[in-house]
Amino acid sequence: MLENHFNFYKLRVYYEDTDAGGIVYYANYLKFFERARTEWLRELGIIQSTFLEQNIAFVVRHVEMDNIASAKLDDQLTVKSQITLLKRASLIFQQQIVNQQEQLIATATIKVASIQLAQSNLINNKVCAIPQTILGALQRVS
């Protein structure tokens, strides 16, 4: 595995991301982490809607998040992402958000699982192996 392969996703904090005091609402950090992972996959040629059409989806199985400081309205943030563990049916991302002064805002460890969507019953989705086309792309960057 490439221990130091990171992806960087930049974003700006908009009014809609903040509370009345101009501070980012904590749950929005999860959205920022999600966007960063999704865009990284897109850069690798992994378009999630294509796999949804094949009844395969990625779901967040577990999250550990630490909010260290507050991002504010108009801040420019960078989400730094790394795959730290890649298994047959799941992967773990380590992610950080820093502001334009390189101040650490939040960190997260996020486990994502691959599931086979049950067409007749959306409740009974089953964990499945990550498709080889996706696994190959992820192995090159993990």
N, C-alpha and C. Protein backbone atom coordinates (compact mmCIF):
# COMPACT_ATOMS: atom_id res chain seq x y z
N MET A 1 0.83 -1.19 0.00
CA MET A 1 0.00 0.00 0.00
C MET A 1 0.87 1.25 0.00
N LEU A 2 0.40 2.26 -0.65
CA LEU A 2 1.09 3.54 -0.66
C LEU A 2 0.67 4.31 0.57
N GLU A 3 1.53 4.35 1.56
CA GLU A 3 1.17 4.93 2.85
C GLU A 3 0.88 6.42 2.79
N ASN A 4 1.44 7.13 1.82
CA ASN A 4 1.32 8.57 1.82
C ASN A 4 0.46 9.11 0.68
N HIS A 5 -0.40 8.31 0.10
CA HIS A 5 -1.24 8.81 -0.98
C HIS A 5 -2.47 9.50 -0.39
N PHE A 6 -2.56 10.80 -0.64
CA PHE A 6 -3.66 11.59 -0.13
C PHE A 6 -4.40 12.23 -1.30
N ASN A 7 -5.66 12.53 -1.05
CA ASN A 7 -6.45 13.33 -1.98
C ASN A 7 -6.84 14.61 -1.27
N PHE A 8 -6.86 15.71 -2.01
CA PHE A 8 -7.20 17.01 -1.44
C PHE A 8 -8.40 17.58 -2.17
N TYR A 9 -9.41 17.98 -1.41
CA TYR A 9 -10.63 18.55 -1.96
C TYR A 9 -10.83 19.92 -1.31
N LYS A 10 -10.97 20.94 -2.13
CA LYS A 10 -11.12 22.30 -1.62
C LYS A 10 -12.57 22.75 -1.71
N LEU A 11 -13.00 23.52 -0.71
CA LEU A 11 -14.35 24.07 -0.72
C LEU A 11 -14.38 25.36 0.07
N ARG A 12 -15.40 26.14 -0.15
CA ARG A 12 -15.61 27.38 0.60
C ARG A 12 -16.84 27.21 1.47
N VAL A 13 -16.81 27.81 2.65
CA VAL A 13 -17.95 27.77 3.56
C VAL A 13 -18.96 28.83 3.11
N TYR A 14 -20.16 28.37 2.84
CA TYR A 14 -21.25 29.27 2.43
C TYR A 14 -22.19 29.52 3.61
N TYR A 15 -22.98 30.53 3.46
CA TYR A 15 -23.94 30.91 4.49
C TYR A 15 -24.80 29.72 4.90
N GLU A 16 -25.23 28.92 3.93
CA GLU A 16 -26.09 27.76 4.21
C GLU A 16 -25.42 26.71 5.10
N ASP A 17 -24.08 26.75 5.19
CA ASP A 17 -23.34 25.80 6.01
C ASP A 17 -23.23 26.21 7.47
N THR A 18 -23.68 27.44 7.78
CA THR A 18 -23.42 28.01 9.10
C THR A 18 -24.68 28.22 9.92
N ASP A 19 -24.47 28.48 11.20
CA ASP A 19 -25.56 28.87 12.08
C ASP A 19 -25.69 30.39 12.07
N ALA A 20 -26.51 30.94 12.92
CA ALA A 20 -26.76 32.38 12.93
C ALA A 20 -25.51 33.18 13.27
N GLY A 21 -24.52 32.56 13.89
CA GLY A 21 -23.28 33.25 14.25
C GLY A 21 -22.18 33.13 13.21
N GLY A 22 -22.49 32.50 12.08
CA GLY A 22 -21.49 32.35 11.03
C GLY A 22 -20.50 31.21 11.26
N ILE A 23 -20.84 30.28 12.16
CA ILE A 23 -20.00 29.12 12.48
C ILE A 23 -20.59 27.90 11.78
N VAL A 24 -19.72 27.06 11.19
CA VAL A 24 -20.19 25.86 10.51
C VAL A 24 -20.85 24.93 11.52
N TYR A 25 -22.06 24.49 11.20
CA TYR A 25 -22.79 23.52 12.01
C TYR A 25 -22.04 22.19 11.93
N TYR A 26 -21.81 21.55 13.07
CA TYR A 26 -20.93 20.38 13.13
C TYR A 26 -21.30 19.27 12.15
N ALA A 27 -22.57 19.03 11.92
CA ALA A 27 -22.98 17.94 11.03
C ALA A 27 -22.56 18.20 9.59
N ASN A 28 -22.33 19.45 9.25
CA ASN A 28 -21.91 19.77 7.88
C ASN A 28 -20.50 19.27 7.59
N TYR A 29 -19.69 19.06 8.62
CA TYR A 29 -18.38 18.48 8.38
C TYR A 29 -18.52 17.09 7.76
N LEU A 30 -19.54 16.34 8.20
CA LEU A 30 -19.79 15.03 7.60
C LEU A 30 -20.12 15.16 6.11
N LYS A 31 -20.86 16.20 5.75
CA LYS A 31 -21.16 16.45 4.33
C LYS A 31 -19.88 16.78 3.57
N PHE A 32 -19.01 17.57 4.17
CA PHE A 32 -17.76 17.92 3.51
C PHE A 32 -16.89 16.68 3.31
N PHE A 33 -16.84 15.80 4.32
CA PHE A 33 -16.09 14.56 4.17
C PHE A 33 -16.68 13.70 3.05
N GLU A 34 -18.01 13.62 3.00
CA GLU A 34 -18.68 12.82 1.97
C GLU A 34 -18.38 13.35 0.57
N ARG A 35 -18.47 14.67 0.41
CA ARG A 35 -18.16 15.26 -0.91
C ARG A 35 -16.74 14.94 -1.34
N ALA A 36 -15.82 15.03 -0.40
CA ALA A 36 -14.42 14.76 -0.73
C ALA A 36 -14.23 13.31 -1.19
N ARG A 37 -14.85 12.36 -0.47
CA ARG A 37 -14.73 10.95 -0.87
C ARG A 37 -15.37 10.72 -2.23
N THR A 38 -16.54 11.30 -2.44
CA THR A 38 -17.25 11.11 -3.71
C THR A 38 -16.45 11.68 -4.88
N GLU A 39 -15.89 12.87 -4.71
CA GLU A 39 -15.12 13.47 -5.79
C GLU A 39 -13.83 12.71 -6.05
N TRP A 40 -13.23 12.16 -5.00
CA TRP A 40 -12.03 11.34 -5.18
C TRP A 40 -12.37 10.10 -6.01
N LEU A 41 -13.46 9.44 -5.67
CA LEU A 41 -13.88 8.27 -6.45
C LEU A 41 -14.15 8.66 -7.90
N ARG A 42 -14.79 9.80 -8.10
CA ARG A 42 -15.08 10.28 -9.46
C ARG A 42 -13.78 10.48 -10.24
N GLU A 43 -12.76 11.06 -9.60
CA GLU A 43 -11.46 11.24 -10.25
C GLU A 43 -10.85 9.91 -10.66
N LEU A 44 -11.14 8.86 -9.91
CA LEU A 44 -10.64 7.52 -10.21
C LEU A 44 -11.50 6.80 -11.24
N GLY A 45 -12.55 7.47 -11.73
CA GLY A 45 -13.44 6.85 -12.72
C GLY A 45 -14.53 6.01 -12.10
N ILE A 46 -14.73 6.15 -10.80
CA ILE A 46 -15.76 5.39 -10.09
C ILE A 46 -16.96 6.31 -9.90
N ILE A 47 -17.96 6.14 -10.76
CA ILE A 47 -19.16 6.96 -10.72
C ILE A 47 -20.22 6.16 -9.98
N GLN A 48 -20.60 6.63 -8.81
CA GLN A 48 -21.48 5.84 -7.96
C GLN A 48 -22.84 5.58 -8.58
N SER A 49 -23.36 6.51 -9.37
CA SER A 49 -24.67 6.30 -9.99
C SER A 49 -24.64 5.11 -10.95
N THR A 50 -23.51 4.87 -11.59
CA THR A 50 -23.37 3.71 -12.49
C THR A 50 -23.53 2.41 -11.71
N PHE A 51 -22.95 2.36 -10.53
CA PHE A 51 -23.04 1.14 -9.73
C PHE A 51 -24.41 1.00 -9.08
N LEU A 52 -25.05 2.12 -8.78
CA LEU A 52 -26.43 2.05 -8.27
C LEU A 52 -27.35 1.40 -9.28
N GLU A 53 -27.11 1.68 -10.57
CA GLU A 53 -27.90 1.05 -11.62
C GLU A 53 -27.71 -0.46 -11.63
N GLN A 54 -26.59 -0.92 -11.10
CA GLN A 54 -26.30 -2.35 -11.00
C GLN A 54 -26.64 -2.89 -9.61
N ASN A 55 -27.36 -2.07 -8.82
CA ASN A 55 -27.80 -2.43 -7.47
C ASN A 55 -26.65 -2.64 -6.49
N ILE A 56 -25.57 -1.88 -6.70
CA ILE A 56 -24.44 -1.90 -5.77
C ILE A 56 -24.27 -0.49 -5.25
N ALA A 57 -24.10 -0.37 -3.93
CA ALA A 57 -23.95 0.95 -3.32
C ALA A 57 -22.88 0.90 -2.24
N PHE A 58 -22.34 2.07 -1.95
CA PHE A 58 -21.44 2.23 -0.81
C PHE A 58 -22.22 2.92 0.29
N VAL A 59 -22.12 2.39 1.50
CA VAL A 59 -22.81 2.98 2.63
C VAL A 59 -21.81 3.20 3.77
N VAL A 60 -22.04 4.26 4.51
CA VAL A 60 -21.20 4.52 5.68
C VAL A 60 -21.63 3.57 6.78
N ARG A 61 -20.69 2.78 7.25
CA ARG A 61 -20.97 1.77 8.28
C ARG A 61 -20.64 2.28 9.68
N HIS A 62 -19.59 3.12 9.75
CA HIS A 62 -19.15 3.61 11.05
C HIS A 62 -18.42 4.93 10.87
N VAL A 63 -18.64 5.86 11.81
CA VAL A 63 -17.96 7.16 11.79
C VAL A 63 -17.44 7.48 13.18
N GLU A 64 -16.20 7.92 13.23
CA GLU A 64 -15.64 8.54 14.43
C GLU A 64 -15.16 9.91 14.00
N MET A 65 -15.72 10.96 14.61
CA MET A 65 -15.36 12.31 14.21
C MET A 65 -14.95 13.11 15.44
N ASP A 66 -13.91 13.92 15.26
CA ASP A 66 -13.43 14.79 16.33
C ASP A 66 -13.47 16.22 15.81
N ASN A 67 -14.28 17.07 16.44
CA ASN A 67 -14.37 18.48 16.07
C ASN A 67 -13.39 19.25 16.94
N ILE A 68 -12.39 19.83 16.31
CA ILE A 68 -11.28 20.42 17.03
C ILE A 68 -11.40 21.95 17.12
N ALA A 69 -11.81 22.57 16.02
CA ALA A 69 -11.97 24.02 15.98
C ALA A 69 -13.17 24.32 15.09
N SER A 70 -13.54 25.59 15.01
CA SER A 70 -14.70 25.97 14.22
C SER A 70 -14.30 26.61 12.90
N ALA A 71 -14.93 26.15 11.82
CA ALA A 71 -14.80 26.84 10.54
C ALA A 71 -15.87 27.93 10.52
N LYS A 72 -15.59 28.96 9.75
CA LYS A 72 -16.48 30.12 9.73
C LYS A 72 -16.88 30.49 8.30
N LEU A 73 -17.92 31.28 8.21
CA LEU A 73 -18.41 31.78 6.93
C LEU A 73 -17.26 32.33 6.11
N ASP A 74 -17.21 31.94 4.83
CA ASP A 74 -16.22 32.36 3.84
C ASP A 74 -14.85 31.71 3.99
N ASP A 75 -14.64 30.87 5.01
CA ASP A 75 -13.37 30.15 5.09
C ASP A 75 -13.19 29.28 3.85
N GLN A 76 -11.93 29.13 3.46
CA GLN A 76 -11.60 28.17 2.41
C GLN A 76 -11.03 26.95 3.12
N LEU A 77 -11.69 25.83 2.92
CA LEU A 77 -11.31 24.60 3.60
C LEU A 77 -10.71 23.60 2.62
N THR A 78 -9.85 22.75 3.15
CA THR A 78 -9.32 21.64 2.38
C THR A 78 -9.61 20.37 3.16
N VAL A 79 -10.19 19.39 2.47
CA VAL A 79 -10.41 18.07 3.07
C VAL A 79 -9.31 17.16 2.53
N LYS A 80 -8.54 16.62 3.45
CA LYS A 80 -7.44 15.70 3.12
C LYS A 80 -7.94 14.30 3.42
N SER A 81 -7.87 13.41 2.42
CA SER A 81 -8.40 12.05 2.57
C SER A 81 -7.34 11.02 2.23
N GLN A 82 -7.40 9.91 2.94
CA GLN A 82 -6.50 8.79 2.69
C GLN A 82 -7.25 7.50 2.98
N ILE A 83 -7.05 6.49 2.14
CA ILE A 83 -7.57 5.16 2.41
C ILE A 83 -6.52 4.44 3.26
N THR A 84 -6.91 4.04 4.45
CA THR A 84 -5.94 3.38 5.34
C THR A 84 -6.13 1.88 5.43
N LEU A 85 -7.29 1.39 5.01
CA LEU A 85 -7.52 -0.05 5.01
C LEU A 85 -8.49 -0.38 3.89
N LEU A 86 -8.13 -1.35 3.08
CA LEU A 86 -8.98 -1.79 1.98
C LEU A 86 -9.16 -3.29 2.10
N LYS A 87 -10.40 -3.69 2.33
CA LYS A 87 -10.75 -5.10 2.45
C LYS A 87 -11.62 -5.49 1.25
N ARG A 88 -12.06 -6.73 1.25
CA ARG A 88 -12.87 -7.25 0.15
C ARG A 88 -14.20 -6.54 0.01
N ALA A 89 -14.83 -6.17 1.13
CA ALA A 89 -16.17 -5.57 1.08
C ALA A 89 -16.25 -4.22 1.79
N SER A 90 -15.12 -3.69 2.24
CA SER A 90 -15.16 -2.41 2.96
C SER A 90 -13.82 -1.70 2.84
N LEU A 91 -13.83 -0.43 3.20
CA LEU A 91 -12.61 0.35 3.25
C LEU A 91 -12.74 1.40 4.33
N ILE A 92 -11.60 1.84 4.82
CA ILE A 92 -11.58 2.86 5.85
C ILE A 92 -10.84 4.07 5.33
N PHE A 93 -11.48 5.22 5.49
CA PHE A 93 -10.89 6.50 5.13
C PHE A 93 -10.49 7.23 6.40
N GLN A 94 -9.33 7.87 6.39
CA GLN A 94 -8.93 8.84 7.39
C GLN A 94 -9.05 10.20 6.69
N GLN A 95 -9.76 11.13 7.32
CA GLN A 95 -9.97 12.43 6.69
C GLN A 95 -9.73 13.54 7.70
N GLN A 96 -9.26 14.67 7.18
CA GLN A 96 -9.04 15.87 7.98
C GLN A 96 -9.57 17.07 7.22
N ILE A 97 -10.04 18.06 7.96
CA ILE A 97 -10.41 19.34 7.37
C ILE A 97 -9.51 20.39 8.00
N VAL A 98 -8.87 21.20 7.15
CA VAL A 98 -8.06 22.33 7.61
C VAL A 98 -8.57 23.60 6.94
N ASN A 99 -8.36 24.73 7.60
CA ASN A 99 -8.75 26.00 6.99
C ASN A 99 -7.57 26.60 6.22
N GLN A 100 -7.77 27.82 5.71
CA GLN A 100 -6.75 28.45 4.88
C GLN A 100 -5.46 28.77 5.65
N GLN A 101 -5.51 28.80 6.97
CA GLN A 101 -4.30 28.98 7.78
C GLN A 101 -3.69 27.65 8.20
N GLU A 102 -4.19 26.55 7.62
CA GLU A 102 -3.72 25.19 7.94
C GLU A 102 -4.09 24.77 9.37
N GLN A 103 -5.06 25.46 9.96
CA GLN A 103 -5.54 25.07 11.29
C GLN A 103 -6.43 23.84 11.13
N LEU A 104 -6.19 22.83 11.95
CA LEU A 104 -6.99 21.62 11.92
C LEU A 104 -8.37 21.91 12.49
N ILE A 105 -9.41 21.61 11.72
CA ILE A 105 -10.79 21.88 12.11
C ILE A 105 -11.48 20.60 12.62
N ALA A 106 -11.36 19.53 11.86
CA ALA A 106 -12.04 18.28 12.22
C ALA A 106 -11.30 17.10 11.61
N THR A 107 -11.41 15.95 12.27
CA THR A 107 -10.86 14.71 11.74
C THR A 107 -11.95 13.64 11.79
N ALA A 108 -11.82 12.65 10.92
CA ALA A 108 -12.78 11.56 10.93
C ALA A 108 -12.14 10.27 10.43
N THR A 109 -12.59 9.19 11.01
CA THR A 109 -12.30 7.85 10.51
C THR A 109 -13.65 7.29 10.07
N ILE A 110 -13.74 6.93 8.79
CA ILE A 110 -15.03 6.53 8.23
C ILE A 110 -14.90 5.18 7.53
N LYS A 111 -15.70 4.21 8.01
CA LYS A 111 -15.73 2.89 7.38
C LYS A 111 -16.89 2.85 6.40
N VAL A 112 -16.58 2.48 5.18
CA VAL A 112 -17.57 2.40 4.12
C VAL A 112 -17.66 0.95 3.65
N ALA A 113 -18.88 0.45 3.51
CA ALA A 113 -19.09 -0.93 3.06
C ALA A 113 -19.78 -0.95 1.71
N SER A 114 -19.51 -1.99 0.97
CA SER A 114 -20.17 -2.23 -0.31
C SER A 114 -21.37 -3.13 -0.05
N ILE A 115 -22.52 -2.75 -0.58
CA ILE A 115 -23.72 -3.59 -0.39
C ILE A 115 -24.40 -3.87 -1.71
N GLN A 116 -25.07 -4.98 -1.74
CA GLN A 116 -25.93 -5.36 -2.86
C GLN A 116 -27.34 -4.96 -2.48
N LEU A 117 -27.93 -4.05 -3.25
CA LEU A 117 -29.28 -3.59 -2.94
C LEU A 117 -30.29 -4.67 -3.29
N ALA A 118 -31.16 -4.97 -2.35
CA ALA A 118 -32.23 -5.94 -2.58
C ALA A 118 -33.35 -5.23 -3.32
N GLN A 119 -33.67 -5.66 -4.53
CA GLN A 119 -34.67 -4.97 -5.34
C GLN A 119 -36.06 -5.04 -4.74
N SER A 120 -36.39 -6.14 -4.12
CA SER A 120 -37.75 -6.28 -3.62
C SER A 120 -37.94 -5.74 -2.21
N ASN A 121 -36.83 -5.59 -1.48
CA ASN A 121 -36.95 -5.16 -0.09
C ASN A 121 -35.73 -4.32 0.27
N LEU A 122 -35.90 -3.02 0.32
CA LEU A 122 -34.77 -2.13 0.57
C LEU A 122 -34.18 -2.28 1.96
N ILE A 123 -34.85 -2.99 2.85
CA ILE A 123 -34.34 -3.17 4.21
C ILE A 123 -33.31 -4.30 4.26
N ASN A 124 -33.42 -5.29 3.40
CA ASN A 124 -32.56 -6.47 3.47
C ASN A 124 -31.35 -6.39 2.55
N ASN A 125 -30.66 -5.28 2.54
CA ASN A 125 -29.46 -5.15 1.74
C ASN A 125 -28.34 -5.99 2.35
N LYS A 126 -27.53 -6.61 1.52
CA LYS A 126 -26.47 -7.50 1.99
C LYS A 126 -25.10 -6.95 1.62
N VAL A 127 -24.16 -7.10 2.55
CA VAL A 127 -22.78 -6.73 2.26
C VAL A 127 -22.30 -7.61 1.12
N CYS A 128 -21.56 -7.01 0.19
CA CYS A 128 -21.02 -7.77 -0.93
C CYS A 128 -19.60 -7.31 -1.22
N ALA A 129 -18.89 -8.11 -1.97
CA ALA A 129 -17.53 -7.74 -2.35
C ALA A 129 -17.56 -6.48 -3.20
N ILE A 130 -16.55 -5.66 -3.03
CA ILE A 130 -16.41 -4.48 -3.88
C ILE A 130 -16.13 -4.98 -5.28
N PRO A 131 -16.85 -4.49 -6.30
CA PRO A 131 -16.61 -4.94 -7.67
C PRO A 131 -15.14 -4.75 -8.07
N GLN A 132 -14.63 -5.69 -8.83
CA GLN A 132 -13.21 -5.68 -9.20
C GLN A 132 -12.80 -4.39 -9.90
N THR A 133 -13.67 -3.80 -10.70
CA THR A 133 -13.32 -2.55 -11.38
C THR A 133 -13.05 -1.44 -10.37
N ILE A 134 -13.80 -1.42 -9.30
CA ILE A 134 -13.60 -0.41 -8.26
C ILE A 134 -12.40 -0.79 -7.40
N LEU A 135 -12.30 -2.06 -7.04
CA LEU A 135 -11.23 -2.52 -6.19
C LEU A 135 -9.86 -2.23 -6.81
N GLY A 136 -9.74 -2.46 -8.10
CA GLY A 136 -8.47 -2.20 -8.79
C GLY A 136 -8.07 -0.74 -8.70
N ALA A 137 -9.04 0.17 -8.92
CA ALA A 137 -8.74 1.60 -8.84
C ALA A 137 -8.36 2.00 -7.43
N LEU A 138 -9.05 1.45 -6.44
CA LEU A 138 -8.76 1.79 -5.04
C LEU A 138 -7.41 1.24 -4.60
N GLN A 139 -7.04 0.06 -5.10
CA GLN A 139 -5.76 -0.53 -4.72
C GLN A 139 -4.59 0.31 -5.21
N ARG A 140 -4.78 1.02 -6.32
CA ARG A 140 -3.71 1.87 -6.86
C ARG A 140 -3.46 3.09 -5.99
N VAL A 141 -4.44 3.49 -5.17
CA VAL A 141 -4.27 4.70 -4.36
C VAL A 141 -4.29 4.43 -2.86
N SER A 142 -4.31 3.19 -2.46
CA SER A 142 -4.35 2.91 -1.02
C SER A 142 -3.03 2.33 -0.56
